């Protein structure tokens, strides 16, 4: 099956020509005869999705995952991590157990546990009553519940180093987030194996001239992937450009989407774990006290927003594909090349999605 594209994004470079897909895999790129104005890129990989399409993943059923997955595909996401904000231990364990195993729609890569080992000084929308001090036994119980692939924690908490060690032993990627860590405390955590920073500059110690905090430390370390929300609300345009100038090539776009994303309409009240949040006119969701609570951002809009700020198209797409895949150590997602699974998004010259394939199946969106 020919995709009908002028070029394809292969390992960060545009290769002229059409793409052929057979039996769920890409078999050839650079074929003659593709029409002008459309480009194939790898399917997007979202590391942080709290909910989507009216579904909150913390309480989602199999049918809920199917519904959310259909909505995610429309936005170009073909692989993602359901993300669970801090909640009661039993609720988190049940959410991890409920992760889908295979099935149609975008690939569920594993759970991202955002908490409970977070700073009470930087909780964001996480309920304070569910935050916990580092506890290896509790960590083991959460991991034993199922397929956890990432955990966000505050590296300055007493005993956090033991958590990092255990997480790495069990093959779980570790990020710093919701943290009041100084640069020195952050660097200790990075040296121990923390390899990511969750939503840079949000819910963390502010950057100051003589106290750069965890964000300043991460931006100066080539071994740390910096995850960034580019929705026009969480970061100023200048801040996005600053992050990119420091960390281009290791910036991963995330949506931090909650259930209101991809749900249609411009507003309403939605759940984010135990927290009720309001969305008005497509703006960032907020709790009653005004605290930002996730986003209604789609990944295609995150790519568009980053590109509009002067980042090359190839690099903006890479921040939603190759970088998050590399962060998780996954070679089967975030790439378009012969032999790879046919997780593909076809874009027109306005960056509108024309087609989405997941393992070669789909044509989820088709616009002329």
Protein backbone atom coordinates (compact mmCIF):
# COMPACT_ATOMS: atom_id res chain seq x y z
CA UNK A 1 0.00 0.00 0.00
CA UNK A 2 1.44 3.34 -1.10
CA UNK A 3 0.80 6.25 1.26
CA UNK A 4 0.78 8.91 -1.45
CA UNK A 5 3.38 11.28 0.02
CA UNK A 6 6.05 13.55 -1.41
CA UNK A 7 8.59 12.71 1.32
CA UNK A 8 9.10 10.88 4.59
CA UNK A 9 10.90 11.86 7.78
CA UNK A 10 13.50 9.13 8.31
CA UNK A 11 15.87 9.42 11.29
CA UNK A 12 15.51 13.18 11.38
CA UNK A 13 15.98 13.77 7.64
CA UNK A 14 13.40 14.28 4.90
CA UNK A 15 13.74 11.59 2.23
CA UNK A 16 12.05 12.46 -1.06
CA UNK A 17 9.57 9.93 -2.41
CA UNK A 18 6.60 7.80 -1.45
CA UNK A 19 6.33 5.17 1.32
CA UNK A 20 5.16 1.57 0.92
CA UNK A 21 3.51 -0.36 3.75
CA UNK A 22 2.78 -4.10 3.86
CA UNK A 23 1.67 -6.43 6.63
CA UNK A 24 1.85 -3.72 9.29
CA UNK A 25 5.40 -2.64 8.50
CA UNK A 26 7.18 -0.05 6.40
CA UNK A 27 8.84 -1.88 3.52
CA UNK A 28 10.25 0.98 1.44
CA UNK A 29 10.80 4.73 1.40
CA UNK A 30 11.98 7.07 -1.35
CA UNK A 31 9.72 5.58 -4.03
CA UNK A 32 9.01 7.60 -7.16
CA UNK A 33 5.59 8.94 -7.94
CA UNK A 34 4.27 10.42 -4.69
CA UNK A 35 2.06 13.51 -5.01
CA UNK A 36 3.31 16.87 -3.81
CA UNK A 37 2.29 18.54 -0.56
CA UNK A 38 2.16 15.61 1.85
CA UNK A 39 4.82 14.16 4.13
CA UNK A 40 4.89 10.99 6.22
CA UNK A 41 6.31 11.17 9.75
CA UNK A 42 6.56 8.64 12.57
CA UNK A 43 3.52 8.27 14.80
CA UNK A 44 3.72 10.51 17.87
CA UNK A 45 4.82 9.14 21.25
CA UNK A 46 3.34 10.86 24.33
CA UNK A 47 5.08 10.14 27.63
CA UNK A 48 2.48 11.84 29.81
CA UNK A 49 -1.27 11.44 29.21
CA UNK A 50 -3.50 11.57 32.28
CA UNK A 51 -6.64 11.09 30.24
CA UNK A 52 -8.15 11.80 26.86
CA UNK A 53 -11.43 11.84 24.99
CA UNK A 54 -13.48 12.20 28.16
CA UNK A 55 -11.63 9.32 29.87
CA UNK A 56 -9.54 9.65 33.04
CA UNK A 57 -7.00 6.82 33.01
CA UNK A 58 -6.83 6.47 36.78
CA UNK A 59 -10.28 4.87 36.74
CA UNK A 60 -10.46 3.64 33.13
CA UNK A 61 -11.98 0.35 32.00
CA UNK A 62 -10.97 -1.58 28.88
CA UNK A 63 -13.79 0.12 26.99
CA UNK A 64 -12.60 3.51 28.24
CA UNK A 65 -9.10 2.82 26.93
CA UNK A 66 -10.56 1.88 23.56
CA UNK A 67 -12.50 5.15 23.42
CA UNK A 68 -9.53 7.25 24.49
CA UNK A 69 -7.30 5.41 22.05
CA UNK A 70 -9.54 6.25 19.13
CA UNK A 71 -9.37 9.93 20.08
CA UNK A 72 -5.58 9.81 20.54
CA UNK A 73 -5.12 8.35 17.07
CA UNK A 74 -6.99 11.28 15.57
CA UNK A 75 -4.32 13.56 17.07
CA UNK A 76 -1.51 11.41 15.63
CA UNK A 77 -0.51 9.58 18.83
CA UNK A 78 0.29 5.93 18.08
CA UNK A 79 2.04 5.11 21.38
CA UNK A 80 1.66 6.56 24.87
CA UNK A 81 2.11 6.16 28.61
CA UNK A 82 -1.11 6.44 30.66
CA UNK A 83 -0.08 8.68 33.53
CA UNK A 84 -1.50 8.35 37.04
CA UNK A 85 -1.34 11.32 39.38
CA UNK A 86 -0.92 10.75 43.09
CA UNK A 87 -3.81 8.90 44.68
CA UNK A 88 -4.46 6.31 47.37
CA UNK A 89 -2.19 3.27 47.08
CA UNK A 90 -5.06 0.90 46.33
CA UNK A 91 -6.38 3.17 43.57
CA UNK A 92 -2.97 3.41 41.90
CA UNK A 93 -2.42 -0.34 42.10
CA UNK A 94 -5.80 -1.02 40.54
CA UNK A 95 -5.11 1.50 37.76
CA UNK A 96 -1.82 -0.23 36.95
CA UNK A 97 -3.53 -3.64 36.91
CA UNK A 98 -6.14 -2.28 34.50
CA UNK A 99 -3.59 -1.35 31.81
CA UNK A 100 -4.61 -2.89 28.48
CA UNK A 101 -2.51 -5.75 27.17
CA UNK A 102 -2.42 -5.38 23.41
CA UNK A 103 -5.61 -4.75 21.51
CA UNK A 104 -6.51 -2.17 18.85
CA UNK A 105 -5.49 1.46 18.84
CA UNK A 106 -2.30 3.17 19.96
CA UNK A 107 0.24 1.13 21.89
CA UNK A 108 0.13 1.43 25.65
CA UNK A 109 3.83 1.49 26.49
CA UNK A 110 3.32 1.17 30.25
CA UNK A 111 2.26 3.32 33.16
CA UNK A 112 3.90 6.57 34.16
CA UNK A 113 3.48 7.00 37.92
CA UNK A 114 3.64 10.70 38.75
CA UNK A 115 3.96 10.31 42.49
CA UNK A 116 3.41 9.60 45.31
CA UNK A 117 7.02 10.51 46.23
CA UNK A 118 6.72 14.21 45.42
CA UNK A 119 7.56 17.41 47.28
CA UNK A 120 4.75 18.82 49.45
CA UNK A 121 6.21 22.23 48.56
CA UNK A 122 5.56 21.70 44.83
CA UNK A 123 2.49 19.48 44.59
CA UNK A 124 0.77 21.25 41.71
CA UNK A 125 -2.62 19.59 41.46
CA UNK A 126 -1.55 16.42 43.31
CA UNK A 127 -3.57 15.89 46.50
CA UNK A 128 -1.34 16.54 49.51
CA UNK A 129 -3.02 13.82 51.56
CA UNK A 130 -1.74 11.14 49.20
CA UNK A 131 1.90 12.26 48.99
CA UNK A 132 4.33 9.88 50.69
CA UNK A 133 7.91 9.95 51.95
CA UNK A 134 10.23 7.59 50.04
CA UNK A 135 9.37 4.02 50.96
CA UNK A 136 10.96 1.14 49.03
CA UNK A 137 8.35 -1.36 50.24
CA UNK A 138 5.54 0.87 48.96
CA UNK A 139 7.41 1.32 45.68
CA UNK A 140 7.73 -2.44 45.26
CA UNK A 141 4.00 -2.90 45.83
CA UNK A 142 3.20 -0.33 43.15
CA UNK A 143 5.63 -1.89 40.67
CA UNK A 144 4.37 -5.39 41.41
CA UNK A 145 0.89 -4.32 40.29
CA UNK A 146 1.91 -4.36 36.62
CA UNK A 147 3.73 -2.67 33.78
CA UNK A 148 5.21 0.54 35.15
CA UNK A 149 7.70 2.09 32.73
CA UNK A 150 8.38 5.51 34.29
CA UNK A 151 8.14 7.20 37.68
CA UNK A 152 8.39 10.88 38.51
CA UNK A 153 9.74 11.69 41.97
CA UNK A 154 11.36 14.52 43.94
CA UNK A 155 15.09 13.73 44.22
CA UNK A 156 15.68 15.91 47.31
CA UNK A 157 13.45 13.82 49.58
CA UNK A 158 15.29 11.80 52.21
CA UNK A 159 15.64 8.26 50.89
CA UNK A 160 14.93 9.17 47.25
CA UNK A 161 18.26 7.70 46.20
CA UNK A 162 17.12 4.25 47.34
CA UNK A 163 14.01 4.62 45.19
CA UNK A 164 16.09 5.55 42.15
CA UNK A 165 18.32 2.54 42.71
CA UNK A 166 15.35 0.18 43.00
CA UNK A 167 13.58 1.66 39.98
CA UNK A 168 16.65 1.23 37.82
CA UNK A 169 17.07 -2.34 39.06
CA UNK A 170 13.55 -3.04 37.89
CA UNK A 171 13.96 -1.40 34.50
CA UNK A 172 11.86 1.68 35.22
CA UNK A 173 12.94 5.06 33.82
CA UNK A 174 13.11 7.81 36.44
CA UNK A 175 12.28 11.52 36.08
CA UNK A 176 12.54 14.42 38.49
CA UNK A 177 9.39 16.46 38.93
CA UNK A 178 7.14 18.21 41.44
CA UNK A 179 10.35 18.99 43.23
CA UNK A 180 11.96 21.72 45.28
CA UNK A 181 15.46 20.38 44.60
CA UNK A 182 18.41 22.71 44.42
CA UNK A 183 20.84 22.26 41.54
CA UNK A 184 23.19 20.33 43.84
CA UNK A 185 20.40 18.00 44.99
CA UNK A 186 19.23 17.54 41.42
CA UNK A 187 22.71 16.67 40.22
CA UNK A 188 23.02 14.00 42.90
CA UNK A 189 19.81 12.46 41.55
CA UNK A 190 20.95 12.71 37.94
CA UNK A 191 24.25 11.08 38.86
CA UNK A 192 22.31 8.22 40.46
CA UNK A 193 20.38 7.60 37.25
CA UNK A 194 17.47 10.02 37.00
CA UNK A 195 17.36 10.62 33.25
CA UNK A 196 14.38 12.93 32.71
CA UNK A 197 12.78 16.14 33.93
CA UNK A 198 8.98 16.24 34.05
CA UNK A 199 7.34 19.39 32.59
CA UNK A 200 10.32 21.73 32.86
CA UNK A 201 9.77 24.91 34.92
CA UNK A 202 6.32 23.75 36.06
CA UNK A 203 5.86 22.56 39.67
CA UNK A 204 9.53 22.91 40.54
CA UNK A 205 11.95 25.26 42.27
CA UNK A 206 12.24 28.50 40.27
CA UNK A 207 15.40 29.33 38.37
CA UNK A 208 17.37 32.12 40.02
CA UNK A 209 20.77 33.64 39.29
CA UNK A 210 22.54 31.92 42.19
CA UNK A 211 19.99 29.17 42.74
CA UNK A 212 19.26 27.58 39.34
CA UNK A 213 17.37 24.66 40.85
CA UNK A 214 16.53 21.39 39.14
CA UNK A 215 15.66 23.07 35.85
CA UNK A 216 19.01 24.83 35.63
CA UNK A 217 20.82 21.59 36.42
CA UNK A 218 18.87 19.61 33.80
CA UNK A 219 19.36 22.18 31.07
CA UNK A 220 23.14 21.95 31.47
CA UNK A 221 23.36 18.14 31.45
CA UNK A 222 23.51 16.31 28.10
CA UNK A 223 22.36 13.08 29.77
CA UNK A 224 18.93 14.40 30.83
CA UNK A 225 15.84 14.47 28.61
CA UNK A 226 13.82 17.62 29.24
CA UNK A 227 10.05 17.15 28.88
CA UNK A 228 8.16 20.27 27.93
CA UNK A 229 4.51 21.38 27.63
CA UNK A 230 4.09 23.79 24.72
CA UNK A 231 0.44 24.78 24.99
CA UNK A 232 0.77 28.58 25.26
CA UNK A 233 -0.23 28.51 28.93
CA UNK A 234 2.38 26.56 30.92
CA UNK A 235 5.42 28.32 29.45
CA UNK A 236 6.04 31.70 27.87
CA UNK A 237 7.30 31.68 24.30
CA UNK A 238 10.68 33.01 25.44
CA UNK A 239 10.93 30.17 27.95
CA UNK A 240 10.26 27.58 25.25
CA UNK A 241 12.97 29.14 23.08
CA UNK A 242 15.38 29.18 26.02
CA UNK A 243 14.78 25.49 26.74
CA UNK A 244 15.27 24.63 23.09
CA UNK A 245 18.47 26.66 22.81
CA UNK A 246 19.91 24.75 25.78
CA UNK A 247 18.57 21.27 25.08
CA UNK A 248 17.71 20.83 21.40
CA UNK A 249 17.86 17.15 20.54
CA UNK A 250 16.93 16.05 24.06
CA UNK A 251 13.60 17.86 24.45
CA UNK A 252 10.54 15.60 24.51
CA UNK A 253 7.17 17.20 23.90
CA UNK A 254 4.47 16.00 26.28
CA UNK A 255 0.82 16.96 26.41
CA UNK A 256 0.13 16.24 30.10
CA UNK A 257 -3.40 15.90 28.74
CA UNK A 258 -6.35 15.23 31.00
CA UNK A 259 -9.79 13.84 30.20
CA UNK A 260 -11.04 17.06 28.63
CA UNK A 261 -8.50 16.83 25.82
CA UNK A 262 -9.89 15.47 22.56
CA UNK A 263 -13.36 15.42 24.09
CA UNK A 264 -14.93 17.96 21.73
CA UNK A 265 -16.41 21.28 22.73
CA UNK A 266 -14.65 24.16 24.42
CA UNK A 267 -15.39 23.66 28.09
CA UNK A 268 -16.85 21.71 30.94
CA UNK A 269 -15.91 19.98 34.18
CA UNK A 270 -13.68 16.92 34.07
CA UNK A 271 -11.80 14.58 36.40
CA UNK A 272 -8.05 14.39 36.90
CA UNK A 273 -7.72 11.51 39.34
CA UNK A 274 -9.45 12.60 42.52
CA UNK A 275 -9.47 16.24 41.43
CA UNK A 276 -12.31 18.02 39.65
CA UNK A 277 -11.05 20.57 37.14
CA UNK A 278 -12.73 23.11 34.89
CA UNK A 279 -11.97 23.85 31.24
CA UNK A 280 -13.13 27.14 29.77
CA UNK A 281 -12.89 28.05 26.08
CA UNK A 282 -10.05 25.61 25.44
CA UNK A 283 -7.75 27.22 28.03
CA UNK A 284 -5.56 25.21 30.39
CA UNK A 285 -7.65 23.25 32.94
CA UNK A 286 -7.69 24.62 36.48
CA UNK A 287 -8.76 23.53 39.93
CA UNK A 288 -11.10 25.72 41.97
CA UNK A 289 -8.09 27.52 43.49
CA UNK A 290 -6.72 28.42 40.04
CA UNK A 291 -3.90 25.85 40.00
CA UNK A 292 -3.12 24.55 36.51
CA UNK A 293 -4.26 20.93 36.25
CA UNK A 294 -2.92 19.25 33.13
CA UNK A 295 -3.87 20.42 29.64
CA UNK A 296 -6.30 19.95 26.78
CA UNK A 297 -3.35 20.01 24.40
CA UNK A 298 -3.08 17.57 21.49
CA UNK A 299 0.31 16.33 20.33
CA UNK A 300 -0.16 17.63 16.81
CA UNK A 301 -0.80 21.08 18.29
CA UNK A 302 2.31 20.77 20.46
CA UNK A 303 4.35 20.06 17.31
CA UNK A 304 2.74 22.97 15.47
CA UNK A 305 3.32 25.31 18.41
CA UNK A 306 7.00 24.39 18.70
CA UNK A 307 7.52 24.74 14.94
CA UNK A 308 5.78 28.15 14.99
CA UNK A 309 8.39 29.35 17.50
CA UNK A 310 11.16 28.82 14.95
CA UNK A 311 12.11 25.19 15.49
CA UNK A 312 12.73 23.24 12.27
CA UNK A 313 9.86 20.98 11.22
CA UNK A 314 12.09 17.91 11.37
CA UNK A 315 13.24 18.74 14.90
CA UNK A 316 9.75 19.61 16.17
CA UNK A 317 8.48 16.23 14.96
CA UNK A 318 11.54 14.54 16.47
CA UNK A 319 10.63 15.99 19.87
CA UNK A 320 7.31 14.11 19.62
CA UNK A 321 8.73 10.87 18.21
CA UNK A 322 12.41 9.95 18.30
CA UNK A 323 13.34 11.70 21.56
CA UNK A 324 10.55 10.21 23.75
CA UNK A 325 11.17 6.77 22.22
CA UNK A 326 14.88 7.04 23.01
CA UNK A 327 14.10 8.18 26.54
CA UNK A 328 12.21 4.94 27.16
CA UNK A 329 14.79 2.84 25.35
CA UNK A 330 12.21 1.79 22.75
CA UNK A 331 13.30 1.02 19.19
CA UNK A 332 9.86 -0.06 17.98
CA UNK A 333 8.15 3.33 18.21
CA UNK A 334 8.93 6.88 17.12
CA UNK A 335 10.67 5.84 13.91
CA UNK A 336 9.75 5.53 10.23
CA UNK A 337 12.11 3.39 8.16
CA UNK A 338 12.08 0.08 6.28
CA UNK A 339 11.40 -2.77 8.69
CA UNK A 340 9.80 -0.59 11.37
CA UNK A 341 6.17 -0.96 12.44
CA UNK A 342 3.95 1.19 10.23
CA UNK A 343 3.00 3.76 12.87
CA UNK A 344 2.73 6.71 10.52
CA UNK A 345 1.13 10.15 10.39
CA UNK A 346 0.64 11.85 7.02
CA UNK A 347 0.64 15.65 7.17
CA UNK A 348 -0.17 18.22 4.53
CA UNK A 349 1.73 21.45 3.98
CA UNK A 350 -0.39 23.19 6.67
CA UNK A 351 0.54 20.48 9.21
CA UNK A 352 -3.00 19.14 9.14
CA UNK A 353 -3.30 15.40 9.71
CA UNK A 354 -4.51 13.53 6.62
CA UNK A 355 -3.95 9.92 7.60
CA UNK A 356 -2.93 7.98 10.71
CA UNK A 357 -1.76 4.39 10.57
CA UNK A 358 -1.08 2.26 13.64
CA UNK A 359 0.75 -0.98 12.80
CA UNK A 360 -0.39 -0.40 9.23
CA UNK A 361 -4.05 -0.15 10.13
CA UNK A 362 -6.11 2.97 10.12
CA UNK A 363 -6.67 5.87 7.81
CA UNK A 364 -8.21 7.25 10.99
CA UNK A 365 -8.31 10.77 9.58
CA UNK A 366 -8.68 11.60 5.93
CA UNK A 367 -9.15 15.21 4.90
CA UNK A 368 -8.93 16.87 1.48
